[in-house]
Amino acid sequence: MTIPYFRIKDIQIRGTSRLSKDQILEWANIPLQRCIFQVNLKKIAQKVTSKSQVKRAEIRRILPSIVLILVEERVPFAYLSKENDLFEVDREGVVIGKARDLLDLPLIRVAGSSSLEKKVKIGVKILHAAQELGLSFPELNIEDKDAILGFLETGEKVYLGEGAHVDYLSYLPSVLKASKREGENVKYIDLRFNNQVIIGVE
């Protein structure tokens, strides 16, 4: 535990693209020259993973004197707009932090007094479902679980509710296709009601 051979001489970091090495080192707070066996790998991993930008972290000893930190960063999936601030959100609905570089990502706008976390989770769930259907919602407005308005890339408004109503998204491709075939200009589609789809045309 005391011989110099096992003192930490280098800390290596892999897996980062958006976070800097200095930022990871600050969070990990591993002193150089400490015996490599005195480093609590689990505790350091927990400290690094506790940061919203990090999805997973693994710490390894490379004997005799190197500590390796493997990081998996959270990747922005959508933006969250709240009280004039713009935040990044990952695919799990975790708020990463304030937006940095603006990317071509969907926007989730929230309002009302109910749980922000729940609204973000609902928004991400809808965006996932839409993507699987080949649809794109550049914007979602969420007031509560039963007051959700999506704007399709093609301009149509889609009214949604939580739960089973999200499953009704599967009707959208066929509804839009049928409307185009009939030469109708769809203004909105309402999926908030059980066992029915309401279509508004111009």
N, C-alpha and C. Protein backbone atom coordinates (compact mmCIF):
# COMPACT_ATOMS: atom_id res chain seq x y z
N MET A 1 0.82 -1.22 0.00
CA MET A 1 0.00 0.00 0.00
C MET A 1 0.85 1.27 0.00
N THR A 2 2.13 1.13 0.31
CA THR A 2 2.97 2.33 0.45
C THR A 2 4.09 2.40 -0.57
N ILE A 3 4.38 1.31 -1.26
CA ILE A 3 5.52 1.37 -2.18
C ILE A 3 5.18 2.22 -3.40
N PRO A 4 6.13 3.01 -3.90
CA PRO A 4 5.89 3.93 -5.03
C PRO A 4 5.41 3.25 -6.30
N TYR A 5 5.75 1.98 -6.48
CA TYR A 5 5.41 1.25 -7.71
C TYR A 5 3.91 1.30 -8.01
N PHE A 6 3.07 1.32 -6.97
CA PHE A 6 1.61 1.29 -7.15
C PHE A 6 0.95 2.66 -6.97
N ARG A 7 1.72 3.72 -6.98
CA ARG A 7 1.14 5.06 -6.91
C ARG A 7 0.56 5.46 -8.27
N ILE A 8 -0.58 6.13 -8.24
CA ILE A 8 -1.24 6.53 -9.49
C ILE A 8 -0.41 7.60 -10.19
N LYS A 9 -0.04 7.31 -11.43
CA LYS A 9 0.75 8.27 -12.22
C LYS A 9 -0.04 8.87 -13.37
N ASP A 10 -1.15 8.21 -13.77
CA ASP A 10 -1.91 8.72 -14.91
C ASP A 10 -3.38 8.31 -14.76
N ILE A 11 -4.27 9.22 -15.19
CA ILE A 11 -5.71 8.92 -15.23
C ILE A 11 -6.16 9.12 -16.67
N GLN A 12 -6.63 8.05 -17.28
CA GLN A 12 -7.05 8.09 -18.68
C GLN A 12 -8.57 8.08 -18.77
N ILE A 13 -9.09 8.81 -19.76
CA ILE A 13 -10.55 8.92 -19.93
C ILE A 13 -10.89 8.55 -21.36
N ARG A 14 -11.90 7.69 -21.51
CA ARG A 14 -12.36 7.28 -22.84
C ARG A 14 -13.87 7.37 -22.92
N GLY A 15 -14.35 7.63 -24.14
CA GLY A 15 -15.80 7.63 -24.39
C GLY A 15 -16.44 9.00 -24.43
N THR A 16 -15.68 10.04 -24.20
CA THR A 16 -16.27 11.38 -24.19
C THR A 16 -16.18 12.02 -25.57
N SER A 17 -17.18 12.81 -25.90
CA SER A 17 -17.15 13.60 -27.13
C SER A 17 -17.59 15.04 -26.84
N ARG A 18 -18.52 15.18 -25.91
CA ARG A 18 -19.03 16.52 -25.58
C ARG A 18 -18.42 17.04 -24.28
N LEU A 19 -18.11 16.14 -23.38
CA LEU A 19 -17.51 16.53 -22.11
C LEU A 19 -16.00 16.58 -22.24
N SER A 20 -15.38 17.48 -21.50
CA SER A 20 -13.92 17.59 -21.54
C SER A 20 -13.28 16.65 -20.52
N LYS A 21 -12.04 16.33 -20.76
CA LYS A 21 -11.28 15.49 -19.82
C LYS A 21 -11.19 16.18 -18.46
N ASP A 22 -10.95 17.48 -18.48
CA ASP A 22 -10.83 18.22 -17.22
C ASP A 22 -12.11 18.14 -16.39
N GLN A 23 -13.27 18.17 -17.08
CA GLN A 23 -14.54 18.10 -16.36
C GLN A 23 -14.71 16.74 -15.68
N ILE A 24 -14.37 15.66 -16.39
CA ILE A 24 -14.46 14.33 -15.82
C ILE A 24 -13.49 14.18 -14.65
N LEU A 25 -12.28 14.69 -14.79
CA LEU A 25 -11.29 14.61 -13.73
C LEU A 25 -11.75 15.35 -12.47
N GLU A 26 -12.40 16.50 -12.69
CA GLU A 26 -12.92 17.27 -11.56
C GLU A 26 -13.99 16.49 -10.81
N TRP A 27 -14.91 15.86 -11.57
CA TRP A 27 -15.98 15.08 -10.94
C TRP A 27 -15.43 13.85 -10.22
N ALA A 28 -14.45 13.18 -10.84
CA ALA A 28 -13.90 11.95 -10.25
C ALA A 28 -13.05 12.25 -9.02
N ASN A 29 -12.29 13.34 -9.09
CA ASN A 29 -11.47 13.80 -7.95
C ASN A 29 -10.56 12.67 -7.43
N ILE A 30 -9.74 12.14 -8.32
CA ILE A 30 -8.80 11.09 -7.95
C ILE A 30 -7.41 11.71 -7.78
N PRO A 31 -6.85 11.68 -6.58
CA PRO A 31 -5.53 12.30 -6.39
C PRO A 31 -4.41 11.45 -6.99
N LEU A 32 -3.53 12.09 -7.72
CA LEU A 32 -2.34 11.41 -8.21
C LEU A 32 -1.43 11.07 -7.03
N GLN A 33 -0.62 10.09 -7.24
CA GLN A 33 0.35 9.60 -6.24
C GLN A 33 -0.29 8.83 -5.09
N ARG A 34 -1.62 8.70 -5.09
CA ARG A 34 -2.24 7.82 -4.09
C ARG A 34 -2.05 6.37 -4.54
N CYS A 35 -2.00 5.47 -3.59
CA CYS A 35 -1.89 4.06 -3.95
C CYS A 35 -3.12 3.64 -4.76
N ILE A 36 -2.90 2.95 -5.86
CA ILE A 36 -3.99 2.59 -6.77
C ILE A 36 -5.02 1.67 -6.09
N PHE A 37 -4.59 0.95 -5.04
CA PHE A 37 -5.51 0.05 -4.35
C PHE A 37 -6.37 0.78 -3.31
N GLN A 38 -6.05 2.04 -3.05
CA GLN A 38 -6.84 2.83 -2.10
C GLN A 38 -7.99 3.58 -2.78
N VAL A 39 -8.07 3.45 -4.10
CA VAL A 39 -9.12 4.13 -4.86
C VAL A 39 -10.40 3.29 -4.83
N ASN A 40 -11.49 3.89 -4.38
CA ASN A 40 -12.80 3.21 -4.34
C ASN A 40 -13.47 3.36 -5.70
N LEU A 41 -13.35 2.34 -6.54
CA LEU A 41 -13.84 2.42 -7.92
C LEU A 41 -15.34 2.65 -7.98
N LYS A 42 -16.08 1.96 -7.13
CA LYS A 42 -17.54 2.09 -7.13
C LYS A 42 -17.98 3.49 -6.75
N LYS A 43 -17.36 4.06 -5.75
CA LYS A 43 -17.72 5.40 -5.29
C LYS A 43 -17.42 6.46 -6.36
N ILE A 44 -16.30 6.32 -7.04
CA ILE A 44 -15.95 7.27 -8.09
C ILE A 44 -16.92 7.15 -9.26
N ALA A 45 -17.28 5.93 -9.62
CA ALA A 45 -18.25 5.72 -10.71
C ALA A 45 -19.59 6.36 -10.35
N GLN A 46 -20.01 6.24 -9.10
CA GLN A 46 -21.27 6.84 -8.66
C GLN A 46 -21.22 8.36 -8.74
N LYS A 47 -20.07 8.94 -8.37
CA LYS A 47 -19.93 10.41 -8.43
C LYS A 47 -20.04 10.91 -9.87
N VAL A 48 -19.37 10.22 -10.79
CA VAL A 48 -19.39 10.64 -12.19
C VAL A 48 -20.78 10.43 -12.79
N THR A 49 -21.40 9.30 -12.49
CA THR A 49 -22.71 8.97 -13.06
C THR A 49 -23.82 9.86 -12.48
N SER A 50 -23.57 10.46 -11.33
CA SER A 50 -24.59 11.33 -10.73
C SER A 50 -24.81 12.61 -11.53
N LYS A 51 -23.92 12.92 -12.44
CA LYS A 51 -24.05 14.11 -13.28
C LYS A 51 -25.02 13.83 -14.42
N SER A 52 -25.88 14.79 -14.71
CA SER A 52 -26.94 14.58 -15.70
C SER A 52 -26.40 14.31 -17.10
N GLN A 53 -25.18 14.75 -17.39
CA GLN A 53 -24.62 14.55 -18.72
C GLN A 53 -24.10 13.12 -18.95
N VAL A 54 -24.00 12.34 -17.87
CA VAL A 54 -23.38 11.02 -17.95
C VAL A 54 -24.43 9.93 -17.75
N LYS A 55 -24.49 9.00 -18.69
CA LYS A 55 -25.42 7.88 -18.58
C LYS A 55 -24.81 6.74 -17.78
N ARG A 56 -23.55 6.42 -18.07
CA ARG A 56 -22.86 5.34 -17.36
C ARG A 56 -21.38 5.69 -17.22
N ALA A 57 -20.77 5.18 -16.16
CA ALA A 57 -19.33 5.35 -15.97
C ALA A 57 -18.78 4.08 -15.33
N GLU A 58 -17.61 3.68 -15.81
CA GLU A 58 -16.93 2.51 -15.25
C GLU A 58 -15.48 2.89 -14.98
N ILE A 59 -14.99 2.53 -13.79
CA ILE A 59 -13.62 2.86 -13.40
C ILE A 59 -12.82 1.56 -13.30
N ARG A 60 -11.63 1.55 -13.92
CA ARG A 60 -10.79 0.35 -13.88
C ARG A 60 -9.38 0.71 -13.44
N ARG A 61 -8.74 -0.25 -12.79
CA ARG A 61 -7.32 -0.14 -12.47
C ARG A 61 -6.51 -0.83 -13.56
N ILE A 62 -5.51 -0.15 -14.07
CA ILE A 62 -4.55 -0.78 -14.99
C ILE A 62 -3.21 -0.77 -14.25
N LEU A 63 -2.88 -1.91 -13.68
CA LEU A 63 -1.67 -1.98 -12.85
C LEU A 63 -0.41 -1.79 -13.68
N PRO A 64 0.57 -1.11 -13.13
CA PRO A 64 0.64 -0.77 -11.71
C PRO A 64 0.14 0.63 -11.33
N SER A 65 -0.07 1.54 -12.31
CA SER A 65 -0.21 2.95 -11.89
C SER A 65 -1.20 3.78 -12.71
N ILE A 66 -2.12 3.14 -13.44
CA ILE A 66 -3.05 3.90 -14.28
C ILE A 66 -4.49 3.61 -13.85
N VAL A 67 -5.29 4.67 -13.77
CA VAL A 67 -6.73 4.53 -13.55
C VAL A 67 -7.43 4.91 -14.85
N LEU A 68 -8.32 4.05 -15.32
CA LEU A 68 -9.06 4.30 -16.57
C LEU A 68 -10.52 4.59 -16.24
N ILE A 69 -11.02 5.68 -16.79
CA ILE A 69 -12.43 6.06 -16.62
C ILE A 69 -13.13 5.93 -17.96
N LEU A 70 -14.08 5.00 -18.05
CA LEU A 70 -14.87 4.81 -19.26
C LEU A 70 -16.22 5.49 -19.07
N VAL A 71 -16.56 6.37 -20.00
CA VAL A 71 -17.77 7.19 -19.86
C VAL A 71 -18.70 6.98 -21.05
N GLU A 72 -19.98 6.84 -20.76
CA GLU A 72 -21.01 6.89 -21.81
C GLU A 72 -21.85 8.13 -21.57
N GLU A 73 -21.75 9.08 -22.49
CA GLU A 73 -22.47 10.34 -22.33
C GLU A 73 -23.94 10.19 -22.74
N ARG A 74 -24.76 11.04 -22.19
CA ARG A 74 -26.15 11.13 -22.66
C ARG A 74 -26.18 11.96 -23.94
N VAL A 75 -26.93 11.47 -24.92
CA VAL A 75 -26.98 12.12 -26.23
C VAL A 75 -28.33 12.84 -26.38
N PRO A 76 -28.32 14.10 -26.80
CA PRO A 76 -29.60 14.83 -26.97
C PRO A 76 -30.51 14.15 -27.99
N PHE A 77 -31.77 13.98 -27.60
CA PHE A 77 -32.79 13.39 -28.47
C PHE A 77 -33.83 14.44 -28.86
N ALA A 78 -34.06 15.40 -27.96
CA ALA A 78 -35.04 16.46 -28.19
C ALA A 78 -34.65 17.66 -27.34
N TYR A 79 -35.32 18.77 -27.61
CA TYR A 79 -35.15 19.96 -26.77
C TYR A 79 -36.39 20.15 -25.92
N LEU A 80 -36.18 20.71 -24.73
CA LEU A 80 -37.27 21.06 -23.83
C LEU A 80 -37.28 22.57 -23.67
N SER A 81 -38.43 23.18 -23.96
CA SER A 81 -38.57 24.63 -23.78
C SER A 81 -39.43 24.88 -22.54
N LYS A 82 -38.84 25.58 -21.59
CA LYS A 82 -39.55 25.88 -20.34
C LYS A 82 -39.12 27.25 -19.85
N GLU A 83 -40.11 28.12 -19.69
CA GLU A 83 -39.87 29.47 -19.16
C GLU A 83 -38.72 30.17 -19.89
N ASN A 84 -38.79 30.14 -21.20
CA ASN A 84 -37.83 30.84 -22.07
C ASN A 84 -36.43 30.26 -22.05
N ASP A 85 -36.25 29.10 -21.42
CA ASP A 85 -34.96 28.42 -21.45
C ASP A 85 -35.08 27.16 -22.30
N LEU A 86 -33.96 26.77 -22.93
CA LEU A 86 -33.94 25.60 -23.79
C LEU A 86 -32.97 24.57 -23.21
N PHE A 87 -33.48 23.35 -22.99
CA PHE A 87 -32.69 22.28 -22.39
C PHE A 87 -32.61 21.08 -23.34
N GLU A 88 -31.57 20.30 -23.19
CA GLU A 88 -31.43 19.05 -23.94
C GLU A 88 -32.04 17.90 -23.15
N VAL A 89 -32.69 16.99 -23.87
CA VAL A 89 -33.31 15.81 -23.26
C VAL A 89 -32.84 14.58 -24.02
N ASP A 90 -32.50 13.49 -23.30
CA ASP A 90 -32.05 12.29 -23.99
C ASP A 90 -33.22 11.36 -24.29
N ARG A 91 -32.93 10.20 -24.85
CA ARG A 91 -33.97 9.25 -25.29
C ARG A 91 -34.74 8.64 -24.13
N GLU A 92 -34.22 8.76 -22.92
CA GLU A 92 -34.91 8.24 -21.75
C GLU A 92 -35.73 9.31 -21.04
N GLY A 93 -35.72 10.52 -21.59
CA GLY A 93 -36.46 11.61 -20.96
C GLY A 93 -35.70 12.30 -19.85
N VAL A 94 -34.40 12.07 -19.77
CA VAL A 94 -33.57 12.73 -18.76
C VAL A 94 -33.13 14.09 -19.28
N VAL A 95 -33.32 15.13 -18.48
CA VAL A 95 -32.87 16.47 -18.86
C VAL A 95 -31.37 16.55 -18.64
N ILE A 96 -30.63 16.74 -19.74
CA ILE A 96 -29.17 16.73 -19.68
C ILE A 96 -28.64 18.05 -19.13
N GLY A 97 -29.20 19.13 -19.59
CA GLY A 97 -28.74 20.46 -19.18
C GLY A 97 -29.15 21.47 -20.23
N LYS A 98 -28.70 22.70 -20.07
CA LYS A 98 -29.05 23.75 -21.02
C LYS A 98 -28.47 23.43 -22.39
N ALA A 99 -29.24 23.79 -23.43
CA ALA A 99 -28.82 23.50 -24.80
C ALA A 99 -27.51 24.21 -25.12
N ARG A 100 -26.66 23.50 -25.84
CA ARG A 100 -25.37 24.06 -26.24
C ARG A 100 -25.42 24.45 -27.71
N ASP A 101 -25.11 23.49 -28.57
CA ASP A 101 -25.17 23.74 -30.01
C ASP A 101 -26.54 23.31 -30.51
N LEU A 102 -27.24 24.19 -31.21
CA LEU A 102 -28.58 23.86 -31.69
C LEU A 102 -28.51 22.86 -32.84
N LEU A 103 -29.21 21.74 -32.65
CA LEU A 103 -29.25 20.67 -33.64
C LEU A 103 -30.65 20.55 -34.20
N ASP A 104 -30.81 19.76 -35.22
CA ASP A 104 -32.12 19.54 -35.82
C ASP A 104 -32.87 18.47 -35.02
N LEU A 105 -33.41 18.88 -33.88
CA LEU A 105 -34.10 17.97 -32.97
C LEU A 105 -35.51 18.48 -32.70
N PRO A 106 -36.44 17.58 -32.39
CA PRO A 106 -37.80 18.03 -32.06
C PRO A 106 -37.82 18.84 -30.77
N LEU A 107 -38.84 19.67 -30.66
CA LEU A 107 -38.97 20.57 -29.50
C LEU A 107 -40.19 20.18 -28.68
N ILE A 108 -40.00 20.01 -27.37
CA ILE A 108 -41.09 19.76 -26.45
C ILE A 108 -41.31 21.03 -25.63
N ARG A 109 -42.48 21.63 -25.79
CA ARG A 109 -42.84 22.81 -24.99
C ARG A 109 -43.77 22.37 -23.86
N VAL A 110 -43.50 22.84 -22.65
CA VAL A 110 -44.35 22.46 -21.52
C VAL A 110 -44.94 23.71 -20.88
N ALA A 111 -46.14 23.52 -20.33
CA ALA A 111 -46.83 24.59 -19.60
C ALA A 111 -47.65 23.93 -18.51
N GLY A 112 -48.24 24.75 -17.65
CA GLY A 112 -49.06 24.20 -16.58
C GLY A 112 -48.24 23.91 -15.34
N SER A 113 -48.92 23.41 -14.31
CA SER A 113 -48.27 23.26 -13.01
C SER A 113 -47.95 21.80 -12.64
N SER A 114 -48.38 20.84 -13.46
CA SER A 114 -48.12 19.44 -13.12
C SER A 114 -46.67 19.08 -13.36
N SER A 115 -46.30 17.86 -12.98
CA SER A 115 -44.92 17.40 -12.97
C SER A 115 -44.19 17.59 -14.30
N LEU A 116 -43.07 18.31 -14.25
CA LEU A 116 -42.25 18.51 -15.44
C LEU A 116 -41.68 17.18 -15.92
N GLU A 117 -41.18 16.37 -15.00
CA GLU A 117 -40.58 15.10 -15.36
C GLU A 117 -41.57 14.21 -16.11
N LYS A 118 -42.81 14.18 -15.62
CA LYS A 118 -43.83 13.35 -16.27
C LYS A 118 -44.13 13.85 -17.67
N LYS A 119 -44.20 15.16 -17.84
CA LYS A 119 -44.48 15.72 -19.17
C LYS A 119 -43.38 15.39 -20.16
N VAL A 120 -42.14 15.48 -19.70
CA VAL A 120 -41.01 15.17 -20.58
C VAL A 120 -41.05 13.70 -20.99
N LYS A 121 -41.36 12.81 -20.04
CA LYS A 121 -41.44 11.37 -20.34
C LYS A 121 -42.53 11.11 -21.38
N ILE A 122 -43.69 11.78 -21.21
CA ILE A 122 -44.78 11.62 -22.18
C ILE A 122 -44.34 12.10 -23.56
N GLY A 123 -43.70 13.27 -23.59
CA GLY A 123 -43.25 13.83 -24.86
C GLY A 123 -42.28 12.92 -25.59
N VAL A 124 -41.32 12.37 -24.85
CA VAL A 124 -40.33 11.45 -25.45
C VAL A 124 -41.01 10.19 -25.95
N LYS A 125 -41.99 9.70 -25.18
CA LYS A 125 -42.73 8.50 -25.59
C LYS A 125 -43.45 8.73 -26.92
N ILE A 126 -44.08 9.88 -27.06
CA ILE A 126 -44.78 10.21 -28.30
C ILE A 126 -43.81 10.34 -29.46
N LEU A 127 -42.68 11.00 -29.24
CA LEU A 127 -41.69 11.16 -30.30
C LEU A 127 -41.14 9.81 -30.75
N HIS A 128 -40.89 8.91 -29.79
CA HIS A 128 -40.44 7.56 -30.14
C HIS A 128 -41.46 6.85 -31.01
N ALA A 129 -42.73 6.88 -30.56
CA ALA A 129 -43.79 6.19 -31.30
C ALA A 129 -43.92 6.75 -32.71
N ALA A 130 -43.83 8.06 -32.83
CA ALA A 130 -43.96 8.70 -34.15
C ALA A 130 -42.80 8.27 -35.06
N GLN A 131 -41.59 8.25 -34.53
CA GLN A 131 -40.43 7.87 -35.34
C GLN A 131 -40.56 6.44 -35.87
N GLU A 132 -41.08 5.56 -35.02
CA GLU A 132 -41.25 4.16 -35.45
C GLU A 132 -42.24 4.04 -36.60
N LEU A 133 -43.15 5.03 -36.71
CA LEU A 133 -44.15 5.03 -37.77
C LEU A 133 -43.68 5.83 -38.99
N GLY A 134 -42.46 6.36 -38.91
CA GLY A 134 -41.95 7.16 -40.01
C GLY A 134 -42.52 8.56 -40.04
N LEU A 135 -43.03 9.02 -38.88
CA LEU A 135 -43.60 10.37 -38.77
C LEU A 135 -42.64 11.27 -38.02
N SER A 136 -42.77 12.56 -38.24
CA SER A 136 -41.90 13.52 -37.56
C SER A 136 -42.73 14.62 -36.92
N PHE A 137 -42.55 14.79 -35.61
CA PHE A 137 -43.16 15.90 -34.89
C PHE A 137 -42.05 16.91 -34.57
N PRO A 138 -41.90 17.97 -35.36
CA PRO A 138 -40.90 18.98 -35.01
C PRO A 138 -41.21 19.66 -33.68
N GLU A 139 -42.51 19.65 -33.29
CA GLU A 139 -42.87 20.34 -32.04
C GLU A 139 -44.04 19.63 -31.36
N LEU A 140 -43.94 19.55 -30.02
CA LEU A 140 -45.02 19.06 -29.17
C LEU A 140 -45.28 20.08 -28.08
N ASN A 141 -46.55 20.41 -27.87
CA ASN A 141 -46.94 21.29 -26.77
C ASN A 141 -47.70 20.47 -25.74
N ILE A 142 -47.21 20.45 -24.51
CA ILE A 142 -47.81 19.62 -23.48
C ILE A 142 -48.20 20.48 -22.28
N GLU A 143 -49.52 20.54 -22.01
CA GLU A 143 -50.00 21.23 -20.81
C GLU A 143 -50.21 20.23 -19.68
N ASP A 144 -50.85 19.12 -19.97
CA ASP A 144 -50.95 18.01 -19.03
C ASP A 144 -51.16 16.74 -19.85
N LYS A 145 -51.40 15.61 -19.16
CA LYS A 145 -51.45 14.33 -19.86
C LYS A 145 -52.61 14.22 -20.84
N ASP A 146 -53.61 15.07 -20.70
CA ASP A 146 -54.76 15.01 -21.61
C ASP A 146 -54.85 16.24 -22.52
N ALA A 147 -53.83 17.06 -22.51
CA ALA A 147 -53.81 18.25 -23.36
C ALA A 147 -52.45 18.34 -24.06
N ILE A 148 -52.32 17.56 -25.14
CA ILE A 148 -51.06 17.48 -25.88
C ILE A 148 -51.35 17.80 -27.35
N LEU A 149 -50.60 18.72 -27.88
CA LEU A 149 -50.77 19.12 -29.27
C LEU A 149 -49.45 18.94 -30.01
N GLY A 150 -49.48 18.13 -31.06
CA GLY A 150 -48.29 17.91 -31.87
C GLY A 150 -48.46 18.54 -33.25
N PHE A 151 -47.36 19.00 -33.79
CA PHE A 151 -47.35 19.59 -35.14
C PHE A 151 -46.51 18.69 -36.04
N LEU A 152 -47.16 18.07 -37.01
CA LEU A 152 -46.44 17.21 -37.94
C LEU A 152 -45.56 18.04 -38.88
N GLU A 153 -44.55 17.40 -39.41
CA GLU A 153 -43.64 18.08 -40.33
C GLU A 153 -44.38 18.58 -41.56
N THR A 154 -45.47 17.88 -41.92
CA THR A 154 -46.25 18.27 -43.10
C THR A 154 -47.30 19.33 -42.79
N GLY A 155 -47.36 19.79 -41.52
CA GLY A 155 -48.22 20.92 -41.18
C GLY A 155 -49.48 20.61 -40.40
N GLU A 156 -49.90 19.35 -40.37
CA GLU A 156 -51.13 19.00 -39.67
C GLU A 156 -50.94 19.05 -38.15
N LYS A 157 -52.00 19.46 -37.45
CA LYS A 157 -52.01 19.43 -35.99
C LYS A 157 -52.56 18.07 -35.55
N VAL A 158 -51.99 17.53 -34.48
CA VAL A 158 -52.46 16.26 -33.94
C VAL A 158 -52.71 16.43 -32.45
N TYR A 159 -53.96 16.22 -32.03
CA TYR A 159 -54.32 16.31 -30.62
C TYR A 159 -54.21 14.93 -29.99
N LEU A 160 -53.50 14.87 -28.86
CA LEU A 160 -53.20 13.59 -28.23
C LEU A 160 -53.52 13.63 -26.74
N GLY A 161 -53.66 12.42 -26.18
CA GLY A 161 -53.76 12.26 -24.75
C GLY A 161 -52.82 11.16 -24.32
N GLU A 162 -52.62 11.01 -23.02
CA GLU A 162 -51.69 10.01 -22.51
C GLU A 162 -52.28 8.61 -22.63
N GLY A 163 -51.42 7.61 -22.42
CA GLY A 163 -51.89 6.23 -22.30
C GLY A 163 -52.27 5.62 -23.63
N ALA A 164 -53.46 4.99 -23.64
CA ALA A 164 -53.89 4.25 -24.83
C ALA A 164 -54.01 5.16 -26.04
N HIS A 165 -54.27 6.44 -25.81
CA HIS A 165 -54.43 7.36 -26.93
C HIS A 165 -53.15 7.46 -27.77
N VAL A 166 -51.99 7.28 -27.12
CA VAL A 166 -50.72 7.33 -27.86
C VAL A 166 -50.68 6.20 -28.89
N ASP A 167 -51.31 5.07 -28.56
CA ASP A 167 -51.33 3.95 -29.51
C ASP A 167 -52.07 4.32 -30.79
N TYR A 168 -52.95 5.30 -30.70
CA TYR A 168 -53.72 5.70 -31.88
C TYR A 168 -52.84 6.38 -32.92
N LEU A 169 -51.61 6.72 -32.55
CA LEU A 169 -50.69 7.28 -33.54
C LEU A 169 -50.52 6.34 -34.73
N SER A 170 -50.69 5.05 -34.48
CA SER A 170 -50.53 4.07 -35.56
C SER A 170 -51.54 4.29 -36.69
N TYR A 171 -52.64 5.00 -36.38
CA TYR A 171 -53.64 5.28 -37.41
C TYR A 171 -53.20 6.41 -38.35
N LEU A 172 -52.28 7.24 -37.89
CA LEU A 172 -51.95 8.47 -38.64
C LEU A 172 -51.49 8.22 -40.07
N PRO A 173 -50.53 7.32 -40.31
CA PRO A 173 -50.08 7.15 -41.71
C PRO A 173 -51.22 6.80 -42.66
N SER A 174 -52.11 5.87 -42.25
CA SER A 174 -53.21 5.48 -43.14
C SER A 174 -54.23 6.61 -43.29
N VAL A 175 -54.49 7.36 -42.21
CA VAL A 175 -55.42 8.49 -42.27
C VAL A 175 -54.91 9.55 -43.23
N LEU A 176 -53.63 9.90 -43.11
CA LEU A 176 -53.04 10.92 -43.97
C LEU A 176 -53.01 10.45 -45.43
N LYS A 177 -52.70 9.18 -45.62
CA LYS A 177 -52.65 8.63 -46.98
C LYS A 177 -54.03 8.65 -47.62
N ALA A 178 -55.06 8.24 -46.86
CA ALA A 178 -56.42 8.22 -47.38
C ALA A 178 -56.90 9.63 -47.70
N SER A 179 -56.55 10.59 -46.85
CA SER A 179 -56.98 11.98 -47.07
C SER A 179 -56.36 12.56 -48.32
N LYS A 180 -55.10 12.24 -48.55
CA LYS A 180 -54.44 12.73 -49.77
C LYS A 180 -55.08 12.11 -51.00
N ARG A 181 -55.42 10.83 -50.89
CA ARG A 181 -56.04 10.14 -52.01
C ARG A 181 -57.39 10.76 -52.36
N GLU A 182 -58.09 11.22 -51.32
CA GLU A 182 -59.40 11.85 -51.53
C GLU A 182 -59.27 13.33 -51.90
N GLY A 183 -58.05 13.83 -51.91
CA GLY A 183 -57.83 15.23 -52.25
C GLY A 183 -58.20 16.19 -51.14
N GLU A 184 -58.28 15.68 -49.89
CA GLU A 184 -58.65 16.53 -48.76
C GLU A 184 -57.42 17.17 -48.14
N ASN A 185 -57.58 18.39 -47.69
CA ASN A 185 -56.50 19.10 -47.02
C ASN A 185 -56.75 19.01 -45.52
N VAL A 186 -56.04 18.10 -44.86
CA VAL A 186 -56.27 17.86 -43.43
C VAL A 186 -55.68 19.00 -42.61
N LYS A 187 -56.52 19.57 -41.75
CA LYS A 187 -56.08 20.65 -40.87
C LYS A 187 -55.65 20.10 -39.51
N TYR A 188 -56.43 19.17 -38.97
CA TYR A 188 -56.06 18.56 -37.69
C TYR A 188 -56.61 17.15 -37.60
N ILE A 189 -55.98 16.36 -36.72
CA ILE A 189 -56.44 15.01 -36.41
C ILE A 189 -56.50 14.89 -34.88
N ASP A 190 -57.64 14.47 -34.38
CA ASP A 190 -57.86 14.40 -32.93
C ASP A 190 -57.91 12.94 -32.50
N LEU A 191 -56.92 12.52 -31.67
CA LEU A 191 -56.82 11.13 -31.22
C LEU A 191 -57.10 10.99 -29.73
N ARG A 192 -57.81 11.95 -29.15
CA ARG A 192 -58.01 11.93 -27.70
C ARG A 192 -59.19 11.08 -27.24
N PHE A 193 -59.96 10.56 -28.16
CA PHE A 193 -61.19 9.86 -27.77
C PHE A 193 -61.08 8.37 -28.04
N ASN A 194 -61.69 7.57 -27.17
CA ASN A 194 -61.64 6.12 -27.32
C ASN A 194 -62.35 5.66 -28.59
N ASN A 195 -61.68 4.78 -29.32
CA ASN A 195 -62.27 4.08 -30.46
C ASN A 195 -62.75 5.00 -31.59
N GLN A 196 -62.16 6.20 -31.70
CA GLN A 196 -62.53 7.04 -32.82
C GLN A 196 -61.41 8.04 -33.14
N VAL A 197 -61.33 8.37 -34.41
CA VAL A 197 -60.37 9.36 -34.90
C VAL A 197 -61.15 10.48 -35.55
N ILE A 198 -60.95 11.69 -35.10
CA ILE A 198 -61.66 12.85 -35.64
C ILE A 198 -60.71 13.62 -36.56
N ILE A 199 -61.20 13.89 -37.77
CA ILE A 199 -60.36 14.57 -38.76
C ILE A 199 -61.03 15.89 -39.14
N GLY A 200 -60.27 16.95 -39.06
CA GLY A 200 -60.74 18.26 -39.50
C GLY A 200 -60.10 18.62 -40.82
N VAL A 201 -60.91 18.97 -41.81
CA VAL A 201 -60.38 19.32 -43.13
C VAL A 201 -60.78 20.74 -43.48
N GLU A 202 -59.99 21.34 -44.37
CA GLU A 202 -60.31 22.68 -44.85
C GLU A 202 -61.25 22.60 -46.05
